[in-house]
């Protein structure tokens, strides 16, 4: 969430950033924010003055009673009753205006970093890096959903029977490969200095709001209505909320955390061949990395996250590219996002497998996550997160790109985790 003070002081910058995102009615909503904030501050001043006057008269009443001037004291007492009624009305008005202001602020996305280009969709994203050799599999290459059926390692129909579409069942070597990938990703992250955590898979409304899932993605999450809890769409939500409300010291930076979680997304309206098999699921596994950083170091940290994910894909010997997302494709809470895409040879298309994002102070403002700077003043921290990595499409890429006439070869880096070198 943007800070009102920032909007007030940098109105043109905010409008230019929202224009990069093609954010509708930007000027109107910014004007509404500023007007509402002016009303809120004016009401606060009037409330403060009313309370101050009431306190002053209360002291006078005490003095009058002591000096035997009860009649004068009673007159003033009637005035304090009116002032209390007025302060109550002002307090209610202030709270109502504050709620209106917050509702407006919740509608405004983050301001893109200066390096982000304008654009309307993924078609306008910038390809900034690519690496790896795309294998020549010949005309008989199979997509992963057919390979899964051929080798009986993922059962989509059984998952549909148990729950519904988008909830696959991993079997035999498929389940072992899935577990191997989770352990491999976690070990790589731990070796890079991240502390592993295990976190809840459901969160309350405050947690979902703090990281920006609510109210922006309300309809995209599974909601356990009886207990008013939400199944997490990503490990970013519970991990980042570990630090909600914290006041840190500069010496605590950086905070680096990794964790494995299942993720749950309704993905309403997703149909067609591009969502077949593992391409888009309602439940999937992901290993996340989260960083809490000093504002001066957050973009250096983001570059470090990108290099870390590169290293994993190099070890797996998978062809990939990195995109810098344009304004129109950047997520609501992010200032800058790099997407990693894996080339699926059998499908002849690129599949997104990871995102690394810097949210700057946008999440921290909602989280009330601050630190004391060298001057002893409170300042918002920067939050970052990345997928390291999301499993379904990595698994799909391994199955498709490593297929041979004799079976599916397991990447060398995963063999010690799997306990086998071939699916046949």
Protein backbone atom coordinates (compact mmCIF):
# COMPACT_ATOMS: atom_id res chain seq x y z
CA UNK A 1 0.00 0.00 0.00
CA UNK A 2 1.32 3.41 -0.96
CA UNK A 3 1.84 5.95 1.81
CA UNK A 4 -0.43 9.00 1.67
CA UNK A 5 2.51 11.29 2.34
CA UNK A 6 4.32 9.84 -0.68
CA UNK A 7 1.26 10.35 -2.88
CA UNK A 8 0.89 13.92 -1.65
CA UNK A 9 4.56 14.78 -2.18
CA UNK A 10 5.06 12.91 -5.47
CA UNK A 11 1.71 13.13 -7.21
CA UNK A 12 3.13 13.36 -10.74
CA UNK A 13 5.48 10.42 -10.13
CA UNK A 14 2.57 8.32 -8.86
CA UNK A 15 0.40 9.19 -11.86
CA UNK A 16 3.25 8.42 -14.29
CA UNK A 17 3.81 5.05 -12.58
CA UNK A 18 0.12 4.18 -12.71
CA UNK A 19 0.09 5.13 -16.40
CA UNK A 20 2.77 2.47 -17.00
CA UNK A 21 0.33 -0.03 -15.55
CA UNK A 22 -2.61 1.31 -17.61
CA UNK A 23 -4.39 1.82 -14.30
CA UNK A 24 -7.88 3.12 -15.04
CA UNK A 25 -9.12 6.39 -13.50
CA UNK A 26 -5.73 7.01 -11.85
CA UNK A 27 -6.14 10.79 -11.66
CA UNK A 28 -9.64 10.49 -10.20
CA UNK A 29 -8.70 8.05 -7.46
CA UNK A 30 -5.56 10.00 -6.53
CA UNK A 31 -7.66 13.15 -6.20
CA UNK A 32 -10.11 11.21 -4.03
CA UNK A 33 -7.25 10.03 -1.82
CA UNK A 34 -5.90 13.54 -1.34
CA UNK A 35 -9.34 15.04 -0.67
CA UNK A 36 -10.23 12.29 1.78
CA UNK A 37 -6.91 12.70 3.54
CA UNK A 38 -7.48 16.46 3.84
CA UNK A 39 -10.88 15.76 5.44
CA UNK A 40 -9.29 13.20 7.77
CA UNK A 41 -6.59 15.63 8.90
CA UNK A 42 -9.07 18.49 9.35
CA UNK A 43 -11.30 16.23 11.42
CA UNK A 44 -8.30 15.15 13.50
CA UNK A 45 -7.43 18.80 14.22
CA UNK A 46 -11.02 19.59 15.20
CA UNK A 47 -11.14 16.49 17.42
CA UNK A 48 -7.84 17.35 19.09
CA UNK A 49 -8.98 20.92 19.74
CA UNK A 50 -12.30 19.72 21.17
CA UNK A 51 -10.58 17.26 23.51
CA UNK A 52 -8.08 19.92 24.57
CA UNK A 53 -10.88 22.37 25.36
CA UNK A 54 -12.76 19.69 27.30
CA UNK A 55 -9.66 18.85 29.35
CA UNK A 56 -9.00 22.53 30.04
CA UNK A 57 -12.56 23.12 31.28
CA UNK A 58 -12.42 19.97 33.44
CA UNK A 59 -9.42 21.41 35.26
CA UNK A 60 -11.23 24.73 35.70
CA UNK A 61 -14.23 22.91 37.18
CA UNK A 62 -12.03 21.29 39.79
CA UNK A 63 -10.62 24.67 40.78
CA UNK A 64 -14.06 26.25 41.03
CA UNK A 65 -15.36 23.50 43.30
CA UNK A 66 -12.34 23.90 45.57
CA UNK A 67 -12.93 27.63 45.85
CA UNK A 68 -16.63 27.14 46.64
CA UNK A 69 -17.96 28.35 43.29
CA UNK A 70 -20.24 25.37 42.68
CA UNK A 71 -22.77 27.27 40.54
CA UNK A 72 -20.11 28.40 38.07
CA UNK A 73 -18.66 24.89 38.09
CA UNK A 74 -22.04 23.37 37.21
CA UNK A 75 -22.42 25.73 34.24
CA UNK A 76 -19.05 24.61 32.89
CA UNK A 77 -19.97 21.00 33.59
CA UNK A 78 -22.90 21.28 31.21
CA UNK A 79 -20.51 22.59 28.57
CA UNK A 80 -18.20 19.57 29.00
CA UNK A 81 -21.16 17.28 28.33
CA UNK A 82 -21.71 18.99 24.99
CA UNK A 83 -17.98 18.83 24.22
CA UNK A 84 -17.90 15.08 24.98
CA UNK A 85 -20.82 14.52 22.63
CA UNK A 86 -19.05 16.55 19.97
CA UNK A 87 -15.76 14.65 20.46
CA UNK A 88 -17.62 11.34 20.16
CA UNK A 89 -19.19 12.45 16.88
CA UNK A 90 -15.83 13.69 15.60
CA UNK A 91 -14.14 10.43 16.61
CA UNK A 92 -16.74 8.40 14.73
CA UNK A 93 -16.39 10.70 11.72
CA UNK A 94 -12.59 10.39 11.85
CA UNK A 95 -12.79 6.58 11.94
CA UNK A 96 -15.25 6.52 9.05
CA UNK A 97 -13.08 8.83 6.92
CA UNK A 98 -9.98 6.75 7.80
CA UNK A 99 -11.77 3.59 6.65
CA UNK A 100 -12.75 5.31 3.39
CA UNK A 101 -9.14 6.41 2.88
CA UNK A 102 -7.78 2.92 3.46
CA UNK A 103 -10.34 1.44 1.06
CA UNK A 104 -9.13 3.88 -1.61
CA UNK A 105 -5.47 3.09 -0.94
CA UNK A 106 -6.17 -0.65 -1.22
CA UNK A 107 -7.28 -0.07 -4.82
CA UNK A 108 -3.97 1.49 -5.90
CA UNK A 109 -1.17 -0.85 -7.08
CA UNK A 110 2.51 -0.31 -6.43
CA UNK A 111 4.48 2.20 -8.50
CA UNK A 112 6.76 0.40 -10.99
CA UNK A 113 10.53 0.79 -10.78
CA UNK A 114 12.07 3.22 -13.26
CA UNK A 115 13.45 0.30 -15.33
CA UNK A 116 9.95 -1.08 -15.97
CA UNK A 117 8.67 -0.29 -19.45
CA UNK A 118 5.06 0.63 -20.22
CA UNK A 119 2.98 -2.17 -21.67
CA UNK A 120 -0.44 -3.76 -21.68
CA UNK A 121 0.23 -7.52 -21.47
CA UNK A 122 2.85 -10.27 -21.46
CA UNK A 123 3.44 -9.51 -25.14
CA UNK A 124 5.27 -6.34 -24.03
CA UNK A 125 7.63 -8.02 -21.53
CA UNK A 126 11.38 -7.67 -22.18
CA UNK A 127 13.51 -10.75 -22.79
CA UNK A 128 16.73 -9.79 -20.99
CA UNK A 129 18.58 -13.13 -20.74
CA UNK A 130 18.44 -16.68 -22.07
CA UNK A 131 20.59 -19.74 -21.49
CA UNK A 132 20.64 -23.46 -22.17
CA UNK A 133 20.29 -25.68 -25.19
CA UNK A 134 16.85 -26.62 -26.45
CA UNK A 135 17.02 -30.36 -27.19
CA UNK A 136 16.03 -31.82 -30.56
CA UNK A 137 13.50 -34.49 -29.59
CA UNK A 138 12.27 -35.29 -33.05
CA UNK A 139 8.69 -35.58 -34.25
CA UNK A 140 7.64 -38.23 -31.73
CA UNK A 141 8.18 -36.10 -28.59
CA UNK A 142 5.29 -36.35 -26.14
CA UNK A 143 3.89 -33.65 -23.86
CA UNK A 144 4.24 -34.37 -20.16
CA UNK A 145 0.60 -35.40 -19.64
CA UNK A 146 1.07 -38.23 -22.13
CA UNK A 147 4.42 -39.18 -20.62
CA UNK A 148 2.79 -39.21 -17.17
CA UNK A 149 0.19 -41.67 -18.41
CA UNK A 150 2.71 -43.79 -20.35
CA UNK A 151 4.96 -44.32 -17.31
CA UNK A 152 2.13 -44.19 -14.73
CA UNK A 153 3.75 -41.46 -12.63
CA UNK A 154 1.00 -38.80 -12.49
CA UNK A 155 -2.71 -39.60 -12.55
CA UNK A 156 -4.86 -36.62 -13.50
CA UNK A 157 -8.07 -38.63 -13.76
CA UNK A 158 -7.65 -40.09 -10.27
CA UNK A 159 -7.12 -36.58 -8.87
CA UNK A 160 -10.29 -35.49 -10.64
CA UNK A 161 -12.15 -38.38 -9.02
CA UNK A 162 -10.89 -37.54 -5.53
CA UNK A 163 -11.25 -33.76 -5.70
CA UNK A 164 -11.66 -32.27 -9.16
CA UNK A 165 -9.66 -31.02 -12.11
CA UNK A 166 -6.35 -29.43 -11.20
CA UNK A 167 -5.55 -31.78 -8.28
CA UNK A 168 -3.23 -34.49 -9.68
CA UNK A 169 -2.05 -37.62 -7.88
CA UNK A 170 1.70 -38.31 -8.12
CA UNK A 171 2.57 -42.01 -8.10
CA UNK A 172 5.69 -44.14 -7.74
CA UNK A 173 8.71 -42.49 -9.32
CA UNK A 174 6.60 -39.42 -10.04
CA UNK A 175 5.98 -38.91 -6.32
CA UNK A 176 9.64 -39.59 -5.52
CA UNK A 177 10.80 -37.11 -8.17
CA UNK A 178 8.42 -34.51 -6.74
CA UNK A 179 9.83 -35.04 -3.23
CA UNK A 180 13.38 -34.99 -4.61
CA UNK A 181 12.81 -31.60 -6.23
CA UNK A 182 11.44 -30.13 -2.97
CA UNK A 183 14.46 -31.34 -0.98
CA UNK A 184 16.89 -30.26 -3.68
CA UNK A 185 15.46 -26.73 -3.88
CA UNK A 186 15.45 -26.39 -0.08
CA UNK A 187 19.05 -27.59 0.19
CA UNK A 188 20.18 -25.15 -2.51
CA UNK A 189 18.46 -22.28 -0.71
CA UNK A 190 19.85 -23.24 2.71
CA UNK A 191 23.34 -23.46 1.23
CA UNK A 192 22.84 -19.92 -0.11
CA UNK A 193 22.15 -18.65 3.41
CA UNK A 194 18.38 -18.90 3.69
CA UNK A 195 16.87 -20.19 6.95
CA UNK A 196 14.28 -22.93 6.46
CA UNK A 197 10.87 -22.59 8.10
CA UNK A 198 7.67 -24.61 8.12
CA UNK A 199 4.63 -22.38 8.19
CA UNK A 200 0.82 -22.79 8.31
CA UNK A 201 -0.97 -23.47 5.05
CA UNK A 202 -3.96 -21.36 6.06
CA UNK A 203 -3.83 -17.69 7.00
CA UNK A 204 -6.23 -15.18 8.52
CA UNK A 205 -7.61 -12.13 6.76
CA UNK A 206 -5.01 -9.82 8.31
CA UNK A 207 -2.16 -11.88 6.85
CA UNK A 208 -3.74 -12.08 3.38
CA UNK A 209 -4.34 -8.32 3.44
CA UNK A 210 -0.83 -7.50 4.65
CA UNK A 211 0.90 -9.08 1.64
CA UNK A 212 -1.65 -7.75 -0.86
CA UNK A 213 -3.73 -10.83 -1.70
CA UNK A 214 -6.78 -9.13 -0.19
CA UNK A 215 -8.77 -7.37 -1.39
CA UNK A 216 -7.08 -7.56 -4.82
CA UNK A 217 -7.30 -11.35 -5.29
CA UNK A 218 -10.28 -12.16 -3.11
CA UNK A 219 -12.01 -14.42 -5.63
CA UNK A 220 -8.83 -16.29 -6.52
CA UNK A 221 -8.26 -17.83 -3.08
CA UNK A 222 -9.99 -20.75 -1.41
CA UNK A 223 -11.87 -19.43 1.63
CA UNK A 224 -12.69 -21.64 4.62
CA UNK A 225 -15.70 -19.54 5.59
CA UNK A 226 -16.61 -21.21 8.92
CA UNK A 227 -13.26 -20.22 10.45
CA UNK A 228 -12.68 -17.26 8.10
CA UNK A 229 -9.29 -18.61 7.00
CA UNK A 230 -7.73 -18.66 3.53
CA UNK A 231 -5.70 -21.45 1.92
CA UNK A 232 -2.41 -19.89 0.90
CA UNK A 233 -1.86 -19.10 -2.80
CA UNK A 234 1.91 -18.98 -2.16
CA UNK A 235 4.36 -19.49 0.70
CA UNK A 236 5.16 -15.79 0.45
CA UNK A 237 2.03 -14.99 2.46
CA UNK A 238 2.71 -16.86 5.75
CA UNK A 239 6.49 -16.41 5.56
CA UNK A 240 6.35 -12.64 5.05
CA UNK A 241 3.71 -12.33 7.77
CA UNK A 242 6.16 -13.81 10.27
CA UNK A 243 7.50 -10.25 10.45
CA UNK A 244 4.19 -8.35 10.52
CA UNK A 245 4.27 -5.55 13.08
CA UNK A 246 7.99 -5.91 13.80
CA UNK A 247 10.30 -3.01 14.61
CA UNK A 248 13.77 -4.10 13.55
CA UNK A 249 17.27 -2.79 14.02
CA UNK A 250 19.50 -2.08 11.01
CA UNK A 251 21.92 -4.75 12.24
CA UNK A 252 19.27 -7.44 11.65
CA UNK A 253 19.37 -7.00 7.86
CA UNK A 254 19.22 -9.01 5.74
CA UNK A 255 16.60 -11.51 6.87
CA UNK A 256 16.52 -14.46 4.46
CA UNK A 257 13.96 -17.25 4.75
CA UNK A 258 12.98 -20.26 2.66
CA UNK A 259 10.13 -22.70 3.01
CA UNK A 260 8.21 -25.40 1.19
CA UNK A 261 4.42 -25.22 1.04
CA UNK A 262 1.60 -26.54 -1.07
CA UNK A 263 -0.20 -23.67 -2.79
CA UNK A 264 -3.90 -23.37 -3.58
CA UNK A 265 -5.37 -21.21 -6.34
CA UNK A 266 -8.88 -21.24 -7.72
CA UNK A 267 -7.67 -19.96 -11.12
CA UNK A 268 -11.25 -19.23 -12.10
CA UNK A 269 -11.85 -19.03 -15.83
CA UNK A 270 -8.72 -20.98 -16.86
CA UNK A 271 -9.54 -23.28 -19.77
CA UNK A 272 -7.94 -24.59 -22.95
CA UNK A 273 -4.86 -26.51 -24.07
CA UNK A 274 -2.47 -24.07 -22.35
CA UNK A 275 -3.68 -25.30 -18.95
CA UNK A 276 -3.47 -29.03 -19.66
CA UNK A 277 -1.62 -31.38 -17.33
CA UNK A 278 0.73 -29.60 -14.96
CA UNK A 279 0.59 -26.30 -16.81
CA UNK A 280 -1.96 -24.86 -14.39
CA UNK A 281 -3.20 -26.48 -11.20
CA UNK A 282 -5.44 -25.64 -8.28
CA UNK A 283 -3.00 -27.31 -5.87
CA UNK A 284 0.75 -27.40 -6.45
CA UNK A 285 4.03 -27.45 -4.53
CA UNK A 286 6.47 -24.57 -4.36
CA UNK A 287 9.65 -23.65 -2.52
CA UNK A 288 9.78 -19.93 -1.74
CA UNK A 289 12.54 -17.51 -0.81
CA UNK A 290 11.71 -14.30 1.09
CA UNK A 291 14.00 -11.43 2.04
CA UNK A 292 13.54 -8.46 4.36
CA UNK A 293 16.07 -5.82 3.35
CA UNK A 294 17.30 -2.32 4.08
CA UNK A 295 15.95 -0.02 1.32
CA UNK A 296 19.51 0.83 0.22
CA UNK A 297 20.30 -2.84 -0.51
CA UNK A 298 17.04 -4.29 -1.83
CA UNK A 299 17.83 -4.11 -5.56
CA UNK A 300 21.24 -5.64 -5.05
CA UNK A 301 19.43 -8.38 -3.13
CA UNK A 302 16.95 -8.84 -6.01
CA UNK A 303 19.83 -9.31 -8.45
CA UNK A 304 21.29 -11.87 -6.05
CA UNK A 305 18.01 -13.79 -6.03
CA UNK A 306 17.98 -13.83 -9.82
CA UNK A 307 21.54 -15.21 -9.92
CA UNK A 308 20.62 -17.84 -7.32
CA UNK A 309 17.68 -19.11 -9.40
CA UNK A 310 19.91 -19.09 -12.50
CA UNK A 311 22.35 -21.39 -10.70
CA UNK A 312 19.64 -23.94 -9.94
CA UNK A 313 18.43 -24.05 -13.55
CA UNK A 314 22.01 -24.41 -14.77
CA UNK A 315 22.48 -27.45 -12.54
CA UNK A 316 19.26 -28.96 -13.88
CA UNK A 317 20.47 -28.15 -17.43
CA UNK A 318 17.12 -26.76 -18.49
CA UNK A 319 16.77 -24.12 -21.24
CA UNK A 320 15.30 -20.93 -19.77
CA UNK A 321 14.95 -17.22 -20.31
CA UNK A 322 14.39 -14.23 -18.02
CA UNK A 323 11.80 -11.54 -18.69
CA UNK A 324 11.53 -8.13 -17.08
CA UNK A 325 7.79 -7.62 -16.82
CA UNK A 326 6.22 -4.53 -18.34
CA UNK A 327 3.95 -2.26 -16.32
CA UNK A 328 0.76 -3.94 -17.51
CA UNK A 329 1.95 -7.44 -16.56
CA UNK A 330 3.62 -6.60 -13.22
CA UNK A 331 1.72 -7.89 -10.19
CA UNK A 332 -0.35 -5.53 -8.06
CA UNK A 333 2.14 -5.37 -5.16
CA UNK A 334 5.46 -5.48 -7.05
CA UNK A 335 7.70 -2.61 -8.11
CA UNK A 336 9.90 -4.83 -10.31
CA UNK A 337 9.50 -8.48 -11.30
CA UNK A 338 11.72 -10.85 -13.24
CA UNK A 339 9.96 -13.93 -14.59
CA UNK A 340 11.85 -17.12 -15.39
CA UNK A 341 10.43 -19.20 -18.21
CA UNK A 342 11.39 -22.76 -19.13
CA UNK A 343 11.17 -23.92 -22.72
CA UNK A 344 8.95 -26.97 -23.13
CA UNK A 345 10.20 -28.64 -26.29
CA UNK A 346 7.29 -31.07 -26.55
CA UNK A 347 4.74 -28.26 -26.25
CA UNK A 348 6.89 -25.81 -28.24
CA UNK A 349 6.19 -23.01 -25.77
CA UNK A 350 7.65 -21.16 -22.81
CA UNK A 351 6.32 -21.96 -19.34
CA UNK A 352 6.68 -19.59 -16.39
CA UNK A 353 8.48 -21.37 -13.53
CA UNK A 354 9.57 -18.57 -11.21
CA UNK A 355 9.15 -14.91 -10.37
CA UNK A 356 11.53 -12.76 -8.32
CA UNK A 357 10.08 -9.46 -7.13
CA UNK A 358 10.94 -6.40 -5.10
CA UNK A 359 7.91 -4.86 -3.41
CA UNK A 360 9.92 -1.98 -1.92
CA UNK A 361 7.79 -0.54 0.95
CA UNK A 362 4.40 -1.52 -0.51
CA UNK A 363 3.93 -4.68 1.58
CA UNK A 364 5.88 -3.29 4.55
CA UNK A 365 3.41 -0.41 4.85
CA UNK A 366 0.52 -2.87 5.21
CA UNK A 367 2.63 -5.13 7.43
CA UNK A 368 3.75 -2.20 9.60
CA UNK A 369 7.23 -3.67 9.21
CA UNK A 370 9.73 -1.00 10.21
CA UNK A 371 13.29 -0.55 11.36
CA UNK A 372 15.17 2.11 13.30
CA UNK A 373 17.65 3.91 11.07
CA UNK A 374 20.97 5.39 12.20
CA UNK A 375 19.21 8.58 13.32
CA UNK A 376 16.89 6.51 15.50
CA UNK A 377 13.86 7.23 13.33
CA UNK A 378 11.36 4.59 12.25
CA UNK A 379 11.47 3.68 8.55
CA UNK A 380 9.72 1.08 6.39
CA UNK A 381 11.76 -1.96 5.33
CA UNK A 382 11.74 -3.48 1.83
CA UNK A 383 10.31 -6.96 1.18
CA UNK A 384 11.24 -9.32 -1.66
CA UNK A 385 10.23 -12.82 -2.65
CA UNK A 386 10.90 -15.39 -5.33
CA UNK A 387 9.91 -18.89 -6.35
CA UNK A 388 12.88 -21.18 -5.95
CA UNK A 389 11.16 -22.98 -7.52
CA UNK A 390 7.53 -23.80 -8.43
CA UNK A 391 7.43 -27.53 -9.06
CA UNK A 392 4.72 -28.38 -11.61
CA UNK A 393 6.26 -26.75 -14.67
CA UNK A 394 9.82 -27.63 -13.64
CA UNK A 395 8.66 -31.23 -13.41
CA UNK A 396 6.88 -30.90 -16.76
CA UNK A 397 10.07 -29.47 -18.31
CA UNK A 398 12.19 -32.33 -16.97
CA UNK A 399 9.76 -34.97 -18.23
CA UNK A 400 9.51 -33.40 -21.69
CA UNK A 401 13.08 -32.21 -22.28
CA UNK A 402 14.74 -35.32 -20.83
CA UNK A 403 12.59 -37.89 -22.63
CA UNK A 404 14.34 -40.52 -24.76
CA UNK A 405 13.25 -43.63 -26.61
CA UNK A 406 14.21 -45.68 -23.55
CA UNK A 407 12.54 -43.51 -20.91
CA UNK A 408 13.01 -40.23 -19.05
CA UNK A 409 16.53 -39.47 -17.87
CA UNK A 410 16.83 -37.84 -14.44
CA UNK A 411 19.13 -34.75 -14.30
CA UNK A 412 22.43 -35.59 -12.60
CA UNK A 413 21.83 -33.08 -9.79
CA UNK A 414 18.64 -34.90 -8.77
CA UNK A 415 19.85 -38.52 -8.89
CA UNK A 416 21.18 -38.47 -5.28
CA UNK A 417 17.77 -37.16 -4.14
CA UNK A 418 15.70 -39.57 -6.24
CA UNK A 419 17.67 -42.77 -5.80
CA UNK A 420 17.17 -43.59 -9.49
CA UNK A 421 18.48 -42.22 -12.78
CA UNK A 422 15.73 -43.21 -15.20
CA UNK A 423 11.94 -43.43 -15.39
CA UNK A 424 11.11 -46.33 -17.69
